[in-house]
Amino acid sequence: MRYLMKQKLFCFGDDFAIKNEAGDDVFFVDGKVFTIGQKLSFQDMQGKELAFIRQKLLSWGPTYEIYRDGELAAVVKKHLFTFFRCAFTVDVPGPDDIEAQGSFLDMEYTFTRGGRQVAEVSKRWFSWFTDSYGVDIMDSEDQVLILASTVIIDMIRHADDSASTVISCG
């Protein structure tokens, strides 16, 4: 299944929709304001919370937790010490962790599980939308988990940008 997402989609307190490739809204992400650390509610279009994303404040490097039904479902963490590349781990309970690697600046990267590609993020599918990118997820994979991880990677990547430049939201 392929989804359309906006680049730099999260600014403090913003809400946004994730669309399918036909352009229909399929998920809604509600940015929580007046909180310590970033918090997002990932919902279906009827408003049912499917996942809750919370920034882990006291951690070594950018770390976010994804909760499903009140239980910790995954921890998304940026690798701190990599040479010539950027990488993230989506640590899920058990042995099925997901790795994200590629060109995060160009929004061209893949998610792999056990060496097998399970999702791809790319701007090339939606080149007519210059600020958008696609997320193509294998049907057998957890769509919400990978989309929530993509949102987190986008937030971390743009937080890294803002360390050196000012980003305008709006």
Foldseek 3Di string as FASTA:
>chain_A
DKKKDFFVQDDAQDKDFIGHPVRHGFWIKGWDHPDDFTKIFIGGPVRHGQWIKGWDDPDDATKIFIDGPNHTAWIKGKDDDDPPWTKIWTGGPDQFIWIWTDDVVQQWIFIDTPNHTFKTKHQVVPVVPVRMIMIGGPPVDDPVSVVVSVVSSSVRVVVVVCVPPNDDDD
